[in-house]
Amino acid sequence: MADVDPDTGARRRDTGAHPAAEAGRFGPGPVLRLEITGHRDGLFDGAWWPYSHRVNVEIPRLIGGLAGHWDPVTRVGVDLETWGVLPTRLVIDDRVVWIDGYPVADDTALVTRDDRALFSLLVVPPEAAPEAAVAAMARALDPGNTAAAGTILTETGVRPGHPRR
């Protein structure tokens, strides 16, 4: 599938690889990691490293990555400060997925399955360095983790400075 690179305006082919892999800095690696167990230890159920900040592209990719694990996804909540203007819903695989935006700057996504189960994902910014992104994702999935998303991103080097929250 070809699309337009938002930074350069040039047409490019979407290879499905993470931008870091396309730049030759990182081989195939995780962009979505989930904790698929019977228990819900730790603060996060998974971690997500989207390719871009394009919600109309990334939310369907997220839903596709969750297929077979957390089906059916009915709602996704993300941070307005990170994603900007959001649609109220997207039709993905002939299903309506409601999109909620929260102005909390908390670096998480909340995924609702079947209007009952709520799952929390750490969201790693697309521009994160691969090594820092992988470290942040691993820390988020540590069952003993008690750190908030902003703290994880700062302490793993994804975001310099202090956590937002």
Protein backbone atom coordinates (compact mmCIF):
# COMPACT_ATOMS: atom_id res chain seq x y z
CA MET A 1 0.00 0.00 0.00
CA ALA A 2 1.39 3.42 -0.90
CA ASP A 3 0.80 6.57 1.11
CA VAL A 4 2.31 10.01 1.52
CA ASP A 5 5.04 10.58 4.06
CA PRO A 6 3.70 13.36 6.33
CA ASP A 7 7.17 14.82 6.82
CA THR A 8 8.40 14.99 3.22
CA GLY A 9 5.19 14.81 1.17
CA ALA A 10 6.77 12.03 -0.91
CA ARG A 11 4.85 8.90 -1.80
CA ARG A 12 6.20 5.83 -0.06
CA ARG A 13 5.38 2.18 0.22
CA ASP A 14 4.18 0.94 3.62
CA THR A 15 6.31 -2.14 4.26
CA GLY A 16 4.72 -2.85 7.64
CA ALA A 17 8.12 -2.44 9.29
CA HIS A 18 8.62 0.04 12.08
CA PRO A 19 10.26 3.30 10.90
CA ALA A 20 13.35 2.46 12.96
CA ALA A 21 13.71 -0.83 11.06
CA GLU A 22 13.28 0.96 7.71
CA ALA A 23 16.09 3.32 8.69
CA GLY A 24 18.34 0.31 9.28
CA ARG A 25 18.75 1.05 12.99
CA PHE A 26 16.71 -1.86 14.26
CA GLY A 27 15.78 -5.30 13.00
CA PRO A 28 12.29 -6.73 13.21
CA GLY A 29 11.07 -6.21 16.73
CA PRO A 30 8.05 -5.72 18.90
CA VAL A 31 5.66 -2.89 18.28
CA LEU A 32 2.93 -4.40 20.44
CA ARG A 33 3.62 -6.51 23.51
CA LEU A 34 0.84 -8.00 25.57
CA GLU A 35 0.59 -9.78 28.88
CA ILE A 36 -1.59 -12.77 27.96
CA THR A 37 -2.12 -14.48 31.31
CA GLY A 38 -4.92 -15.30 33.69
CA HIS A 39 -3.66 -12.72 36.20
CA ARG A 40 -3.50 -8.93 35.94
CA ASP A 41 -0.38 -7.98 37.90
CA GLY A 42 1.40 -4.67 37.38
CA LEU A 43 -0.02 -1.41 36.08
CA PHE A 44 -0.04 -2.29 32.36
CA ASP A 45 -1.46 -5.13 30.32
CA GLY A 46 0.75 -4.32 27.38
CA ALA A 47 2.83 -1.76 25.56
CA TRP A 48 2.36 -0.23 22.14
CA TRP A 49 4.93 1.47 19.93
CA PRO A 50 2.94 2.97 17.04
CA TYR A 51 4.57 3.83 13.71
CA SER A 52 3.26 7.41 13.68
CA HIS A 53 0.78 9.82 15.28
CA ARG A 54 -1.79 9.20 12.50
CA VAL A 55 -4.78 7.89 14.44
CA ASN A 56 -6.68 6.71 11.34
CA VAL A 57 -3.74 4.44 10.52
CA GLU A 58 -2.45 3.47 13.94
CA ILE A 59 -5.69 2.54 15.73
CA PRO A 60 -6.60 0.00 12.99
CA ARG A 61 -3.05 -1.41 13.23
CA LEU A 62 -3.45 -1.69 17.01
CA ILE A 63 -6.82 -3.44 16.63
CA GLY A 64 -5.27 -5.80 14.07
CA GLY A 65 -2.46 -6.61 16.49
CA LEU A 66 -4.97 -7.36 19.23
CA ALA A 67 -7.09 -9.63 17.01
CA GLY A 68 -7.32 -13.07 18.51
CA HIS A 69 -6.15 -11.89 21.92
CA TRP A 70 -8.54 -9.20 23.14
CA ASP A 71 -11.45 -9.55 20.68
CA PRO A 72 -13.75 -7.83 20.13
CA VAL A 73 -12.33 -4.38 20.82
CA THR A 74 -15.18 -1.89 21.12
CA ARG A 75 -13.44 1.25 22.40
CA VAL A 76 -9.96 2.79 22.48
CA GLY A 77 -9.09 5.77 24.65
CA VAL A 78 -5.99 7.82 23.91
CA ASP A 79 -4.44 11.10 25.00
CA LEU A 80 -5.60 14.19 23.11
CA GLU A 81 -2.31 15.98 23.77
CA THR A 82 -0.43 13.25 21.92
CA TRP A 83 -2.91 12.41 19.15
CA GLY A 84 -4.70 15.73 18.58
CA VAL A 85 -8.10 15.78 16.90
CA LEU A 86 -9.71 12.35 16.98
CA PRO A 87 -12.64 10.82 15.16
CA THR A 88 -15.45 9.67 17.46
CA ARG A 89 -15.40 6.24 15.85
CA LEU A 90 -13.65 4.16 13.22
CA VAL A 91 -15.03 1.23 11.28
CA ILE A 92 -12.45 -1.54 11.43
CA ASP A 93 -13.15 -4.93 9.87
CA ASP A 94 -16.86 -4.04 9.59
CA ARG A 95 -17.08 -3.22 13.31
CA VAL A 96 -17.48 0.16 14.94
CA VAL A 97 -14.70 1.01 17.39
CA TRP A 98 -15.40 4.11 19.49
CA ILE A 99 -12.48 6.46 20.03
CA ASP A 100 -12.24 8.44 23.26
CA GLY A 101 -9.83 11.30 23.82
CA TYR A 102 -8.67 12.40 27.23
CA PRO A 103 -6.62 15.56 27.89
CA VAL A 104 -4.47 13.93 30.55
CA ALA A 105 -1.03 13.55 28.88
CA ASP A 106 -0.51 10.18 30.49
CA ASP A 107 1.19 8.16 27.71
CA THR A 108 -1.36 5.35 27.88
CA ALA A 109 -4.08 3.87 25.75
CA LEU A 110 -7.14 2.22 27.28
CA VAL A 111 -8.64 -0.63 25.28
CA THR A 112 -12.13 -1.93 26.05
CA ARG A 113 -13.04 -5.41 24.95
CA ASP A 114 -16.66 -6.35 24.51
CA ASP A 115 -17.78 -3.36 26.66
CA ARG A 116 -16.61 -5.15 29.81
CA ALA A 117 -12.89 -5.69 30.13
CA LEU A 118 -10.56 -2.68 30.22
CA PHE A 119 -6.88 -3.03 29.38
CA SER A 120 -4.14 -0.42 29.80
CA LEU A 121 -1.25 -0.05 27.36
CA LEU A 122 1.89 2.02 27.75
CA VAL A 123 2.25 4.08 24.55
CA VAL A 124 5.83 4.58 23.40
CA PRO A 125 6.18 7.61 21.10
CA PRO A 126 6.88 6.71 17.45
CA GLU A 127 10.07 8.78 17.45
CA ALA A 128 11.62 6.81 20.34
CA ALA A 129 15.03 5.25 19.84
CA PRO A 130 14.65 1.49 19.34
CA GLU A 131 16.72 0.43 22.36
CA ALA A 132 14.83 2.79 24.68
CA ALA A 133 11.46 1.75 23.23
CA VAL A 134 12.16 -1.94 23.79
CA ALA A 135 13.36 -1.25 27.36
CA ALA A 136 10.23 0.79 28.13
CA MET A 137 7.96 -1.93 26.74
CA ALA A 138 9.72 -4.61 28.80
CA ARG A 139 9.47 -2.52 31.97
CA ALA A 140 5.76 -1.87 31.43
CA LEU A 141 5.13 -5.61 31.26
CA ASP A 142 7.12 -6.43 34.37
CA PRO A 143 4.52 -7.82 36.82
CA GLY A 144 6.21 -5.94 39.66
CA ASN A 145 6.13 -2.60 37.89
CA THR A 146 4.53 0.19 39.91
CA ALA A 147 5.88 3.11 37.85
CA ALA A 148 3.54 5.33 35.85
CA ALA A 149 3.96 5.61 32.09
CA GLY A 150 5.77 8.96 32.18
CA THR A 151 8.26 7.65 34.70
CA ILE A 152 8.96 4.54 32.61
CA LEU A 153 9.51 6.62 29.47
CA THR A 154 11.86 9.00 31.26
CA GLU A 155 13.85 6.35 33.14
CA THR A 156 14.37 4.22 30.02
CA GLY A 157 15.56 7.22 28.00
CA VAL A 158 12.55 7.46 25.69
CA ARG A 159 11.83 10.99 26.87
CA PRO A 160 14.53 13.22 28.30
CA GLY A 161 13.80 15.22 31.41
CA HIS A 162 11.07 14.56 33.93
CA PRO A 163 7.89 12.52 33.57
CA ARG A 164 4.76 14.46 32.67
CA ARG A 165 2.79 12.80 35.44
